[in-house]
C-alpha atoms as a PDB file:
ATOM      1  CA  MET A   1      92.942  86.369 160.728  1.00  0.00           C
ATOM      2  CA  ARG A   2      90.010  85.184 163.001  1.00  0.00           C
ATOM      3  CA  HIS A   3      88.613  83.504 159.947  1.00  0.00           C
ATOM      4  CA  LYS A   4      91.633  81.735 159.164  1.00  0.00           C
ATOM      5  CA  ILE A   5      92.150  80.398 162.717  1.00  0.00           C
ATOM      6  CA  PHE A   6      88.426  79.221 162.653  1.00  0.00           C
ATOM      7  CA  ASN A   7      88.780  77.570 159.373  1.00  0.00           C
ATOM      8  CA  PHE A   8      91.825  75.807 160.796  1.00  0.00           C
ATOM      9  CA  ILE A   9      90.087  74.524 163.818  1.00  0.00           C
ATOM     10  CA  LEU A  10      87.125  73.297 161.733  1.00  0.00           C
ATOM     11  CA  THR A  11      89.564  71.537 159.291  1.00  0.00           C
ATOM     12  CA  GLY A  12      91.293  69.865 162.249  1.00  0.00           C
ATOM     13  CA  LEU A  13      88.230  68.801 163.849  1.00  0.00           C
ATOM     14  CA  PHE A  14      86.984  67.284 160.417  1.00  0.00           C
ATOM     15  CA  PHE A  15      90.154  65.278 159.825  1.00  0.00           C
ATOM     16  CA  THR A  16      90.265  63.914 163.386  1.00  0.00           C
ATOM     17  CA  LEU A  17      86.800  62.442 163.234  1.00  0.00           C
ATOM     18  CA  PRO A  18      86.924  58.693 164.064  1.00  0.00           C
ATOM     19  CA  LEU A  19      86.333  56.558 161.191  1.00  0.00           C
ATOM     20  CA  TYR A  20      84.386  53.181 161.885  1.00  0.00           C
ATOM     21  CA  SER A  21      82.482  50.507 160.042  1.00  0.00           C
ATOM     22  CA  GLN A  22      78.668  50.288 160.627  1.00  0.00           C
ATOM     23  CA  THR A  23      77.553  46.926 159.507  1.00  0.00           C
ATOM     24  CA  SER A  24      73.811  46.349 159.215  1.00  0.00           C
ATOM     25  CA  GLY A  25      72.409  42.950 160.136  1.00  0.00           C
ATOM     26  CA  LEU A  26      70.194  41.208 162.657  1.00  0.00           C
ATOM     27  CA  LEU A  27      70.694  39.730 165.996  1.00  0.00           C
ATOM     28  CA  THR A  28      68.537  36.805 167.229  1.00  0.00           C
ATOM     29  CA  PHE A  29      68.286  35.603 170.752  1.00  0.00           C
ATOM     30  CA  ASP A  30      66.312  32.782 172.016  1.00  0.00           C
ATOM     31  CA  VAL A  31      66.095  32.006 175.749  1.00  0.00           C
ATOM     32  CA  ARG A  32      63.926  30.121 178.220  1.00  0.00           C
ATOM     33  CA  SER A  33      63.240  31.968 181.417  1.00  0.00           C
ATOM     34  CA  GLU A  34      63.112  29.200 184.373  1.00  0.00           C
ATOM     35  CA  LYS A  35      61.345  29.094 187.715  1.00  0.00           C
ATOM     36  CA  LEU A  36      62.272  31.447 190.345  1.00  0.00           C
ATOM     37  CA  LEU A  37      62.574  29.900 193.769  1.00  0.00           C
ATOM     38  CA  PRO A  38      62.245  30.043 196.724  1.00  0.00           C
ATOM     39  CA  GLN A  39      58.505  31.334 196.478  1.00  0.00           C
ATOM     40  CA  SER A  40      58.944  33.218 199.867  1.00  0.00           C
ATOM     41  CA  ILE A  41      61.212  35.706 197.908  1.00  0.00           C
ATOM     42  CA  TRP A  42      59.676  35.834 194.401  1.00  0.00           C
ATOM     43  CA  THR A  43      55.878  35.664 194.257  1.00  0.00           C
ATOM     44  CA  PHE A  44      54.370  35.087 190.976  1.00  0.00           C
ATOM     45  CA  THR A  45      50.736  35.807 191.860  1.00  0.00           C
ATOM     46  CA  PRO A  46      49.428  37.068 189.602  1.00  0.00           C
ATOM     47  CA  LYS A  47      52.275  38.308 187.278  1.00  0.00           C
ATOM     48  CA  TYR A  48      55.909  38.088 186.398  1.00  0.00           C
ATOM     49  CA  ILE A  49      58.004  40.501 184.286  1.00  0.00           C
ATOM     50  CA  ILE A  50      60.976  40.261 182.000  1.00  0.00           C
ATOM     51  CA  ALA A  51      63.153  42.583 179.896  1.00  0.00           C
ATOM     52  CA  ALA A  52      66.256  42.562 177.509  1.00  0.00           C
ATOM     53  CA  TRP A  53      68.416  45.429 176.268  1.00  0.00           C
ATOM     54  CA  ILE A  54      71.759  46.331 174.698  1.00  0.00           C
ATOM     55  CA  THR A  55      74.788  48.109 175.906  1.00  0.00           C
ATOM     56  CA  ASP A  56      78.021  48.776 174.584  1.00  0.00           C
ATOM     57  CA  ASN A  57      81.073  47.005 176.106  1.00  0.00           C
ATOM     58  CA  ASN A  58      81.405  49.828 178.662  1.00  0.00           C
ATOM     59  CA  ASN A  59      77.719  49.259 179.665  1.00  0.00           C
ATOM     60  CA  ASN A  60      76.427  52.415 178.096  1.00  0.00           C
ATOM     61  CA  PHE A  61      72.721  52.009 177.159  1.00  0.00           C
ATOM     62  CA  VAL A  62      71.944  51.520 173.557  1.00  0.00           C
ATOM     63  CA  ARG A  63      68.484  50.307 173.210  1.00  0.00           C
ATOM     64  CA  SER A  64      65.683  48.316 174.928  1.00  0.00           C
ATOM     65  CA  LEU A  65      64.670  45.181 172.873  1.00  0.00           C
ATOM     66  CA  TYR A  66      62.085  43.448 174.946  1.00  0.00           C
ATOM     67  CA  VAL A  67      59.964  44.760 177.839  1.00  0.00           C
ATOM     68  CA  LYS A  68      57.031  42.467 179.103  1.00  0.00           C
ATOM     69  CA  ALA A  69      56.081  44.424 182.289  1.00  0.00           C
ATOM     70  CA  ASN A  70      53.559  47.159 181.423  1.00  0.00           C
ATOM     71  CA  VAL A  71      52.778  49.023 184.693  1.00  0.00           C
ATOM     72  CA  ARG A  72      55.133  46.959 186.690  1.00  0.00           C
ATOM     73  CA  LYS A  73      58.265  48.276 184.942  1.00  0.00           C
ATOM     74  CA  GLN A  74      59.683  49.707 188.054  1.00  0.00           C
ATOM     75  CA  HIS A  75      60.350  46.285 189.659  1.00  0.00           C
ATOM     76  CA  LEU A  76      63.091  45.605 186.702  1.00  0.00           C
ATOM     77  CA  VAL A  77      65.699  47.148 188.807  1.00  0.00           C
ATOM     78  CA  ALA A  78      68.865  46.483 186.607  1.00  0.00           C
ATOM     79  CA  TRP A  79      66.964  47.538 183.278  1.00  0.00           C
ATOM     80  CA  ASN A  80      65.678  50.726 184.879  1.00  0.00           C
ATOM     81  CA  ALA A  81      69.179  51.543 186.184  1.00  0.00           C
ATOM     82  CA  ALA A  82      70.593  51.069 182.607  1.00  0.00           C
ATOM     83  CA  SER A  83      67.761  52.479 180.354  1.00  0.00           C
ATOM     84  CA  GLY A  84      65.961  55.088 182.607  1.00  0.00           C
ATOM     85  CA  GLY A  85      62.837  53.365 181.575  1.00  0.00           C
ATOM     86  CA  ASN A  86      63.432  53.858 177.778  1.00  0.00           C
ATOM     87  CA  VAL A  87      61.176  51.638 175.661  1.00  0.00           C
ATOM     88  CA  VAL A  88      61.801  53.304 172.267  1.00  0.00           C
ATOM     89  CA  ASP A  89      61.483  50.661 169.414  1.00  0.00           C
ATOM     90  CA  ALA A  90      61.303  47.716 172.024  1.00  0.00           C
ATOM     91  CA  VAL A  91      58.815  44.889 171.677  1.00  0.00           C
ATOM     92  CA  THR A  92      56.621  45.724 174.746  1.00  0.00           C
ATOM     93  CA  GLY A  93      53.421  44.191 176.070  1.00  0.00           C
ATOM     94  CA  ALA A  94      51.506  43.374 179.168  1.00  0.00           C
ATOM     95  CA  THR A  95      52.976  41.718 182.030  1.00  0.00           C
ATOM     96  CA  TYR A  96      52.971  37.953 181.708  1.00  0.00           C
ATOM     97  CA  ASP A  97      50.377  35.968 183.574  1.00  0.00           C
ATOM     98  CA  SER A  98      51.872  32.998 185.635  1.00  0.00           C
ATOM     99  CA  VAL A  99      51.828  29.593 184.052  1.00  0.00           C
ATOM    100  CA  GLY A 100      51.026  26.838 186.435  1.00  0.00           C
ATOM    101  CA  SER A 101      52.969  27.114 189.875  1.00  0.00           C
ATOM    102  CA  PRO A 102      56.292  28.705 190.551  1.00  0.00           C
ATOM    103  CA  SER A 103      57.778  25.223 190.822  1.00  0.00           C
ATOM    104  CA  THR A 104      57.053  24.393 187.421  1.00  0.00           C
ATOM    105  CA  TRP A 105      56.830  27.721 185.420  1.00  0.00           C
ATOM    106  CA  THR A 106      59.052  28.217 182.363  1.00  0.00           C
ATOM    107  CA  ARG A 107      58.543  30.358 179.185  1.00  0.00           C
ATOM    108  CA  SER A 108      60.437  30.742 175.905  1.00  0.00           C
ATOM    109  CA  HIS A 109      61.450  34.060 174.456  1.00  0.00           C
ATOM    110  CA  HIS A 110      62.650  35.082 170.963  1.00  0.00           C
ATOM    111  CA  ILE A 111      64.304  38.619 170.915  1.00  0.00           C
ATOM    112  CA  THR A 112      65.780  40.519 167.813  1.00  0.00           C
ATOM    113  CA  TRP A 113      67.853  43.665 167.303  1.00  0.00           C
ATOM    114  CA  ASP A 114      68.544  45.343 164.080  1.00  0.00           C
ATOM    115  CA  GLY A 115      71.751  46.928 165.103  1.00  0.00           C
ATOM    116  CA  LYS A 116      70.374  50.277 165.859  1.00  0.00           C
ATOM    117  CA  ASN A 117      70.030  52.674 168.740  1.00  0.00           C
ATOM    118  CA  THR A 118      66.986  54.555 170.021  1.00  0.00           C
ATOM    119  CA  SER A 119      67.619  57.312 167.265  1.00  0.00           C
ATOM    120  CA  LYS A 120      67.113  54.601 164.644  1.00  0.00           C
ATOM    121  CA  VAL A 121      70.891  55.099 163.719  1.00  0.00           C
ATOM    122  CA  LEU A 122      73.039  52.065 163.069  1.00  0.00           C
ATOM    123  CA  VAL A 123      75.790  51.784 165.804  1.00  0.00           C
ATOM    124  CA  PRO A 124      79.452  51.260 165.054  1.00  0.00           C
ATOM    125  CA  ASP A 125      80.735  47.751 164.844  1.00  0.00           C
ATOM    126  CA  GLY A 126      82.219  46.525 167.944  1.00  0.00           C
ATOM    127  CA  THR A 127      81.637  44.529 171.240  1.00  0.00           C
ATOM    128  CA  TYR A 128      78.306  44.880 172.785  1.00  0.00           C
ATOM    129  CA  LYS A 129      76.363  43.121 175.538  1.00  0.00           C
ATOM    130  CA  LEU A 130      72.856  41.758 175.641  1.00  0.00           C
ATOM    131  CA  TRP A 131      71.212  41.856 179.086  1.00  0.00           C
ATOM    132  CA  ILE A 132      68.264  39.941 180.287  1.00  0.00           C
ATOM    133  CA  GLU A 133      66.473  40.377 183.726  1.00  0.00           C
ATOM    134  CA  GLN A 134      63.273  38.629 185.103  1.00  0.00           C
ATOM    135  CA  THR A 135      61.481  39.181 188.420  1.00  0.00           C
ATOM    136  CA  SER A 136      58.143  39.087 190.134  1.00  0.00           C
ATOM    137  CA  ALA A 137      57.232  41.614 192.604  1.00  0.00           C
ATOM    138  CA  ASN A 138      60.759  42.849 193.714  1.00  0.00           C
ATOM    139  CA  SER A 139      61.660  46.466 193.633  1.00  0.00           C
ATOM    140  CA  ALA A 140      64.353  48.941 194.545  1.00  0.00           C
ATOM    141  CA  SER A 141      62.978  49.169 198.202  1.00  0.00           C
ATOM    142  CA  GLY A 142      65.380  46.659 199.348  1.00  0.00           C
ATOM    143  CA  THR A 143      62.729  44.657 201.122  1.00  0.00           C
ATOM    144  CA  VAL A 144      62.717  42.039 198.241  1.00  0.00           C
ATOM    145  CA  GLN A 145      65.663  40.497 196.397  1.00  0.00           C
ATOM    146  CA  ASP A 146      66.415  41.808 193.022  1.00  0.00           C
ATOM    147  CA  GLY A 147      65.481  39.240 190.217  1.00  0.00           C
ATOM    148  CA  PRO A 148      68.360  37.509 188.247  1.00  0.00           C
ATOM    149  CA  VAL A 149      70.242  39.318 185.482  1.00  0.00           C
ATOM    150  CA  TYR A 150      72.512  37.840 182.998  1.00  0.00           C
ATOM    151  CA  SER A 151      74.618  39.526 180.092  1.00  0.00           C
ATOM    152  CA  ILE A 152      76.202  38.126 176.951  1.00  0.00           C
ATOM    153  CA  SER A 153      79.115  39.789 175.178  1.00  0.00           C
ATOM    154  CA  PHE A 154      79.131  39.492 171.372  1.00  0.00           C
ATOM    155  CA  SER A 155      80.982  41.118 168.348  1.00  0.00           C
ATOM    156  CA  LYS A 156      78.802  43.148 165.913  1.00  0.00           C
ATOM    157  CA  GLY A 157      80.575  43.323 162.680  1.00  0.00           C
ATOM    158  CA  SER A 158      80.831  41.873 159.175  1.00  0.00           C
ATOM    159  CA  THR A 159      81.282  38.352 160.389  1.00  0.00           C
ATOM    160  CA  THR A 160      78.483  36.080 161.381  1.00  0.00           C
ATOM    161  CA  VAL A 161      78.544  35.224 165.282  1.00  0.00           C
ATOM    162  CA  HIS A 162      76.925  32.227 166.809  1.00  0.00           C
ATOM    163  CA  LEU A 163      76.985  31.889 170.663  1.00  0.00           C
ATOM    164  CA  THR A 164      75.422  29.256 172.900  1.00  0.00           C
ATOM    165  CA  PRO A 165      76.081  30.112 176.340  1.00  0.00           C
ATOM    166  CA  GLY A 166      75.710  27.475 179.088  1.00  0.00           C
ATOM    167  CA  ASN A 167      72.577  27.315 181.087  1.00  0.00           C
ATOM    168  CA  GLN A 168      72.172  29.632 184.159  1.00  0.00           C
ATOM    169  CA  PRO A 169      70.122  28.920 187.218  1.00  0.00           C
ATOM    170  CA  TYR A 170      67.260  31.219 185.606  1.00  0.00           C
ATOM    171  CA  PHE A 171      68.120  31.276 181.946  1.00  0.00           C
ATOM    172  CA  THR A 172      68.546  28.146 179.967  1.00  0.00           C
ATOM    173  CA  LEU A 173      68.590  27.123 176.201  1.00  0.00           C
ATOM    174  CA  MET A 174      70.268  30.475 175.160  1.00  0.00           C
ATOM    175  CA  ASP A 175      71.039  30.922 171.490  1.00  0.00           C
ATOM    176  CA  LEU A 176      72.522  34.252 170.118  1.00  0.00           C
ATOM    177  CA  VAL A 177      73.239  34.688 166.472  1.00  0.00           C
ATOM    178  CA  TRP A 178      74.383  37.831 164.788  1.00  0.00           C
ATOM    179  CA  THR A 179      74.025  37.813 161.023  1.00  0.00           C
ATOM    180  CA  PRO A 180      75.601  40.673 159.053  1.00  0.00           C
ATOM    181  CA  SER A 181      73.433  41.920 156.052  1.00  0.00           C
ATOM    182  CA  ALA A 182      74.929  40.969 152.608  1.00  0.00           C
ATOM    183  CA  VAL A 183      77.181  43.658 151.196  1.00  0.00           C
ATOM    184  CA  PRO A 184      76.439  43.923 147.363  1.00  0.00           C
ATOM    185  CA  VAL A 185      79.033  44.386 144.680  1.00  0.00           C
ATOM    186  CA  THR A 186      78.983  47.862 143.326  1.00  0.00           C
ATOM    187  CA  SER A 187      81.441  47.654 140.489  1.00  0.00           C
ATOM    188  CA  VAL A 188      83.702  45.313 138.526  1.00  0.00           C
ATOM    189  CA  THR A 189      86.421  46.778 136.661  1.00  0.00           C
ATOM    190  CA  LEU A 190      88.906  44.854 134.299  1.00  0.00           C
ATOM    191  CA  ASP A 191      92.566  45.698 133.965  1.00  0.00           C
ATOM    192  CA  LYS A 192      92.545  45.920 130.135  1.00  0.00           C
ATOM    193  CA  ASP A 193      90.037  47.403 127.727  1.00  0.00           C
ATOM    194  CA  THR A 194      91.279  45.820 124.644  1.00  0.00           C
ATOM    195  CA  ILE A 195      93.567  42.768 123.855  1.00  0.00           C
ATOM    196  CA  VAL A 196      94.797  41.621 120.519  1.00  0.00           C
ATOM    197  CA  LEU A 197      95.859  37.897 120.060  1.00  0.00           C
ATOM    198  CA  ASP A 198      96.964  35.516 117.727  1.00  0.00           C
ATOM    199  CA  ARG A 199      95.418  32.060 117.364  1.00  0.00           C
ATOM    200  CA  ASN A 200      96.290  29.825 120.474  1.00  0.00           C
ATOM    201  CA  ASP A 201      97.746  32.791 122.408  1.00  0.00           C
ATOM    202  CA  SER A 202      96.481  33.697 125.896  1.00  0.00           C
ATOM    203  CA  VAL A 203      96.193  36.759 128.075  1.00  0.00           C
ATOM    204  CA  THR A 204      94.860  36.859 131.615  1.00  0.00           C
ATOM    205  CA  LEU A 205      92.577  39.568 132.543  1.00  0.00           C
ATOM    206  CA  VAL A 206      92.148  40.648 136.218  1.00  0.00           C
ATOM    207  CA  ALA A 207      88.876  41.741 137.720  1.00  0.00           C
ATOM    208  CA  THR A 208      88.836  44.318 140.566  1.00  0.00           C
ATOM    209  CA  VAL A 209      85.591  44.081 142.780  1.00  0.00           C
ATOM    210  CA  LEU A 210      84.271  46.890 144.868  1.00  0.00           C
ATOM    211  CA  PRO A 211      83.613  47.406 147.682  1.00  0.00           C
ATOM    212  CA  SER A 212      86.508  45.137 149.084  1.00  0.00           C
ATOM    213  CA  ASN A 213      84.204  43.643 151.809  1.00  0.00           C
ATOM    214  CA  ALA A 214      81.542  42.530 149.376  1.00  0.00           C
ATOM    215  CA  THR A 215      79.881  39.309 150.605  1.00  0.00           C
ATOM    216  CA  ASP A 216      80.226  37.474 147.380  1.00  0.00           C
ATOM    217  CA  LYS A 217      83.185  38.606 145.264  1.00  0.00           C
ATOM    218  CA  THR A 218      82.748  35.653 142.641  1.00  0.00           C
ATOM    219  CA  ILE A 219      83.323  36.781 138.982  1.00  0.00           C
ATOM    220  CA  ASN A 220      81.465  34.967 136.193  1.00  0.00           C
ATOM    221  CA  TRP A 221      83.207  35.124 132.748  1.00  0.00           C
ATOM    222  CA  PHE A 222      81.971  34.531 129.372  1.00  0.00           C
ATOM    223  CA  SER A 223      82.883  35.210 125.681  1.00  0.00           C
ATOM    224  CA  LEU A 224      80.174  36.601 123.276  1.00  0.00           C
ATOM    225  CA  ASN A 225      81.629  34.630 120.410  1.00  0.00           C
ATOM    226  CA  THR A 226      83.613  31.468 121.492  1.00  0.00           C
ATOM    227  CA  SER A 227      84.673  30.763 117.808  1.00  0.00           C
ATOM    228  CA  VAL A 228      86.948  33.804 118.200  1.00  0.00           C
ATOM    229  CA  ALA A 229      87.992  33.517 121.812  1.00  0.00           C
ATOM    230  CA  VAL A 230      87.172  31.502 125.060  1.00  0.00           C
ATOM    231  CA  VAL A 231      87.761  32.573 128.583  1.00  0.00           C
ATOM    232  CA  SER A 232      88.214  30.342 131.593  1.00  0.00           C
ATOM    233  CA  ALA A 233      86.864  30.706 135.147  1.00  0.00           C
ATOM    234  CA  THR A 234      89.898  32.564 136.343  1.00  0.00           C
ATOM    235  CA  GLY A 235      89.887  35.065 133.478  1.00  0.00           C
ATOM    236  CA  ILE A 236      92.384  33.471 130.848  1.00  0.00           C
ATOM    237  CA  VAL A 237      91.441  34.492 127.461  1.00  0.00           C
ATOM    238  CA  LYS A 238      92.635  32.219 124.579  1.00  0.00           C
ATOM    239  CA  GLY A 239      92.332  33.115 120.920  1.00  0.00           C
ATOM    240  CA  ILE A 240      90.674  30.476 118.876  1.00  0.00           C
ATOM    241  CA  GLY A 241      89.718  31.986 115.474  1.00  0.00           C
ATOM    242  CA  GLY A 242      90.278  35.314 113.504  1.00  0.00           C
ATOM    243  CA  GLY A 243      87.664  37.943 114.489  1.00  0.00           C
ATOM    244  CA  THR A 244      86.413  40.144 117.224  1.00  0.00           C
ATOM    245  CA  THR A 245      84.532  39.417 120.334  1.00  0.00           C
ATOM    246  CA  LYS A 246      83.953  40.774 123.827  1.00  0.00           C
ATOM    247  CA  ILE A 247      84.930  38.964 127.134  1.00  0.00           C
ATOM    248  CA  VAL A 248      82.334  39.859 129.777  1.00  0.00           C
ATOM    249  CA  ALA A 249      82.974  39.694 133.557  1.00  0.00           C
ATOM    250  CA  THR A 250      79.920  39.983 135.756  1.00  0.00           C
ATOM    251  CA  SER A 251      79.300  39.850 139.643  1.00  0.00           C
ATOM    252  CA  ALA A 252      77.679  36.639 140.916  1.00  0.00           C
ATOM    253  CA  ASP A 253      74.247  38.251 141.041  1.00  0.00           C
ATOM    254  CA  GLY A 254      74.631  39.758 137.636  1.00  0.00           C
ATOM    255  CA  SER A 255      73.963  43.340 138.712  1.00  0.00           C
ATOM    256  CA  VAL A 256      77.288  44.852 137.568  1.00  0.00           C
ATOM    257  CA  SER A 257      79.919  44.006 134.846  1.00  0.00           C
ATOM    258  CA  ASP A 258      82.605  45.175 132.627  1.00  0.00           C
ATOM    259  CA  THR A 259      83.866  44.045 129.202  1.00  0.00           C
ATOM    260  CA  CYS A 260      87.131  43.598 127.240  1.00  0.00           C
ATOM    261  CA  PHE A 261      87.206  43.963 123.543  1.00  0.00           C
ATOM    262  CA  VAL A 262      89.100  41.064 122.020  1.00  0.00           C
ATOM    263  CA  ILE A 263      90.743  40.899 118.325  1.00  0.00           C
ATOM    264  CA  VAL A 264      92.135  37.547 117.345  1.00  0.00           C
ATOM    265  CA  ASN A 265      94.346  37.451 114.250  1.00  0.00           C
ATOM    266  CA  GLY A 266      93.875  34.531 111.920  1.00  0.00           C
ATOM    267  CA  VAL A 267      97.197  33.241 110.524  1.00  0.00           C
ATOM    268  CA  SER A 268      97.191  30.899 107.598  1.00  0.00           C
ATOM    269  CA  SER A 269      99.225  30.222 104.407  1.00  0.00           C
ATOM    270  CA  SER A 270      96.232  28.670 102.544  1.00  0.00           C
ATOM    271  CA  ARG A 271      95.421  30.364  99.181  1.00  0.00           C
ATOM    272  CA  GLY A 272      92.774  33.116  99.691  1.00  0.00           C
ATOM    273  CA  ASN A 273      93.580  33.697 103.362  1.00  0.00           C
ATOM    274  CA  LEU A 274      94.850  36.802 104.628  1.00  0.00           C
ATOM    275  CA  ASN A 275      98.635  36.860 105.559  1.00  0.00           C
ATOM    276  CA  SER A 276      99.578  38.808 108.605  1.00  0.00           C
ATOM    277  CA  ASP A 277     103.047  39.122 107.434  1.00  0.00           C
ATOM    278  CA  PHE A 278     101.744  41.184 104.383  1.00  0.00           C
ATOM    279  CA  PHE A 279      99.348  43.431 106.308  1.00  0.00           C
ATOM    280  CA  ASP A 280     100.388  46.999 106.699  1.00  0.00           C
ATOM    281  CA  ILE A 281      98.979  50.185 107.514  1.00  0.00           C
ATOM    282  CA  TYR A 282     100.556  53.744 107.224  1.00  0.00           C
ATOM    283  CA  PRO A 283     101.163  56.399 108.247  1.00  0.00           C
ATOM    284  CA  ASN A 284     100.975  55.514 111.871  1.00  0.00           C
ATOM    285  CA  PRO A 285     100.221  57.835 113.526  1.00  0.00           C
ATOM    286  CA  ALA A 286      97.716  59.213 110.835  1.00  0.00           C
ATOM    287  CA  SER A 287      95.951  62.576 110.666  1.00  0.00           C
ATOM    288  CA  SER A 288      93.801  62.622 107.852  1.00  0.00           C
ATOM    289  CA  VAL A 289      94.002  59.456 105.708  1.00  0.00           C
ATOM    290  CA  LEU A 290      95.185  55.975 106.408  1.00  0.00           C
ATOM    291  CA  THR A 291      96.433  53.509 103.690  1.00  0.00           C
ATOM    292  CA  ILE A 292      95.851  49.745 104.213  1.00  0.00           C
ATOM    293  CA  ARG A 293      97.826  47.062 102.166  1.00  0.00           C
ATOM    294  CA  ILE A 294      97.166  43.417 102.510  1.00  0.00           C
ATOM    295  CA  TYR A 295      98.192  40.257 100.381  1.00  0.00           C
ATOM    296  CA  PRO A 296      96.697  38.117  99.159  1.00  0.00           C
ATOM    297  CA  LEU A 297      93.201  39.085  98.755  1.00  0.00           C
ATOM    298  CA  GLY A 298      91.399  36.249  96.922  1.00  0.00           C
ATOM    299  CA  SER A 299      88.076  37.946  97.574  1.00  0.00           C
ATOM    300  CA  THR A 300      86.396  40.930  98.891  1.00  0.00           C
ATOM    301  CA  SER A 301      87.732  42.285 102.158  1.00  0.00           C
ATOM    302  CA  PHE A 302      85.690  43.909 104.671  1.00  0.00           C
ATOM    303  CA  ILE A 303      87.267  46.818 106.736  1.00  0.00           C
ATOM    304  CA  ASP A 304      86.051  47.925 110.183  1.00  0.00           C
ATOM    305  CA  VAL A 305      87.588  50.570 112.546  1.00  0.00           C
ATOM    306  CA  TYR A 306      86.788  50.436 116.193  1.00  0.00           C
ATOM    307  CA  THR A 307      87.482  52.429 119.192  1.00  0.00           C
ATOM    308  CA  LEU A 308      89.314  50.848 122.041  1.00  0.00           C
ATOM    309  CA  ALA A 309      86.019  50.480 123.776  1.00  0.00           C
ATOM    310  CA  GLY A 310      84.800  48.302 120.936  1.00  0.00           C
ATOM    311  CA  ILE A 311      82.677  50.881 119.133  1.00  0.00           C
ATOM    312  CA  LYS A 312      82.533  50.607 115.380  1.00  0.00           C
ATOM    313  CA  VAL A 313      83.258  53.827 113.823  1.00  0.00           C
ATOM    314  CA  MET A 314      83.740  53.014 110.227  1.00  0.00           C
ATOM    315  CA  SER A 315      82.893  50.211 107.807  1.00  0.00           C
ATOM    316  CA  MET A 316      83.836  49.676 104.148  1.00  0.00           C
ATOM    317  CA  GLU A 317      84.576  47.024 101.454  1.00  0.00           C
ATOM    318  CA  SER A 318      87.625  46.676  99.448  1.00  0.00           C
ATOM    319  CA  ASN A 319      88.728  44.597  96.421  1.00  0.00           C
ATOM    320  CA  SER A 320      92.174  46.352  96.031  1.00  0.00           C
ATOM    321  CA  PHE A 321      95.589  45.427  97.303  1.00  0.00           C
ATOM    322  CA  SER A 322      96.057  49.023  98.608  1.00  0.00           C
ATOM    323  CA  THR A 323      93.084  50.836 100.190  1.00  0.00           C
ATOM    324  CA  THR A 324      92.946  54.473 101.542  1.00  0.00           C
ATOM    325  CA  ILE A 325      90.317  55.394 104.037  1.00  0.00           C
ATOM    326  CA  PRO A 326      89.723  59.024 105.412  1.00  0.00           C
ATOM    327  CA  VAL A 327      90.215  59.407 109.112  1.00  0.00           C
ATOM    328  CA  ASN A 328      90.005  63.289 109.127  1.00  0.00           C
ATOM    329  CA  ASN A 329      86.571  62.997 110.868  1.00  0.00           C
ATOM    330  CA  LEU A 330      87.836  60.837 113.797  1.00  0.00           C
ATOM    331  CA  PRO A 331      88.851  62.356 117.198  1.00  0.00           C
ATOM    332  CA  GLU A 332      92.524  61.904 118.134  1.00  0.00           C
ATOM    333  CA  GLY A 333      93.336  58.635 119.753  1.00  0.00           C
ATOM    334  CA  MET A 334      94.021  54.952 119.573  1.00  0.00           C
ATOM    335  CA  TYR A 335      92.000  52.825 117.152  1.00  0.00           C
ATOM    336  CA  LEU A 336      91.527  49.210 116.005  1.00  0.00           C
ATOM    337  CA  ILE A 337      91.343  48.165 112.355  1.00  0.00           C
ATOM    338  CA  SER A 338      90.044  44.904 111.240  1.00  0.00           C
ATOM    339  CA  VAL A 339      90.344  43.377 107.825  1.00  0.00           C
ATOM    340  CA  ARG A 340      88.391  40.239 107.009  1.00  0.00           C
ATOM    341  CA  ASN A 341      87.324  38.122 104.225  1.00  0.00           C
ATOM    342  CA  ARG A 342      85.279  34.956 104.017  1.00  0.00           C
ATOM    343  CA  ASN A 343      87.972  32.820 105.772  1.00  0.00           C
ATOM    344  CA  GLN A 344      89.513  34.961 108.392  1.00  0.00           C
ATOM    345  CA  SER A 345      90.324  38.417 109.920  1.00  0.00           C
ATOM    346  CA  LEU A 346      93.486  40.540 110.925  1.00  0.00           C
ATOM    347  CA  CYS A 347      93.671  43.378 113.266  1.00  0.00           C
ATOM    348  CA  ARG A 348      96.141  46.248 113.839  1.00  0.00           C
ATOM    349  CA  THR A 349      96.023  49.356 116.242  1.00  0.00           C
ATOM    350  CA  PHE A 350      96.720  52.826 114.832  1.00  0.00           C
ATOM    351  CA  GLN A 351      96.995  56.271 116.413  1.00  0.00           C
ATOM    352  CA  ILE A 352      95.399  59.642 115.193  1.00  0.00           C
ATOM    353  CA  ASN A 353      97.383  62.597 115.939  1.00  0.00           C
ATOM    354  CA  ARG A 354      97.014  66.137 114.712  1.00  0.00           C
END
């Protein structure tokens, strides 16, 4: 009984785990840190310090991105409170030297984030905050004013985000961009394996692309034999001349594809051409032999049998109005039979049952 209860609890926990997207990508943030005045509060001699970090929308620490402080990290009051001094995977370096005097000092910074936390795990999609803090010699002692801190909320997900916040007293020219990684197409599946057409008839093929959130779901279509059938940019297949071909649908990058086997019946009353009105196969379903009758002949006919996947499993010639072929070695299932002469071809489907 205890085992059953334990299994039930585990099952319940498993099915109540939250499901969320984790889109990979790159965040870039450019900012210019401006002069800190008055000099009586923030002294830049000889150094100044700056940090940037990520939190979730509830201000829970995710990761430090940029800590230019070295031994003076303790003066970054807000960053220390959020991160506890964690610099895992952050861009770190020595405290910046002052440039010029405090009244003219500025510096540009380029900061990036790969969407991961300190454990190198991609974080769930959602709203996050980028924080930036700069200071000089202030600390948590209360004797010196804390340096300025600014945060920007942004959405991490499958959509590109571009934010240009207005200038702040101590942070200007800010530009934040979240660029999701491209999601590749993993499969293309057509709704039909085989189609049989007469000349000038049309059938529309539908391609399903997975995953549904693929970045580029464009499908490229082409026919392996345009004298038999052509296909439009939207998957409309049109019969042109008697014969067989394949229609291929590929992803935009050509990495995955699917095919449809196409048979086009040639219809003509000209002497020597095959006439679909006098093309017969029996018995259908067949078990051991299949008889083919066709009129007129006019020349040698070539008989081919295909699986519905377009694989040729039998081929022979005939000069007779009626021809019997053995099918006892073929597995049960649906097949296509093509009869062609020098002018055209006709096709039929038949079933093998035993």
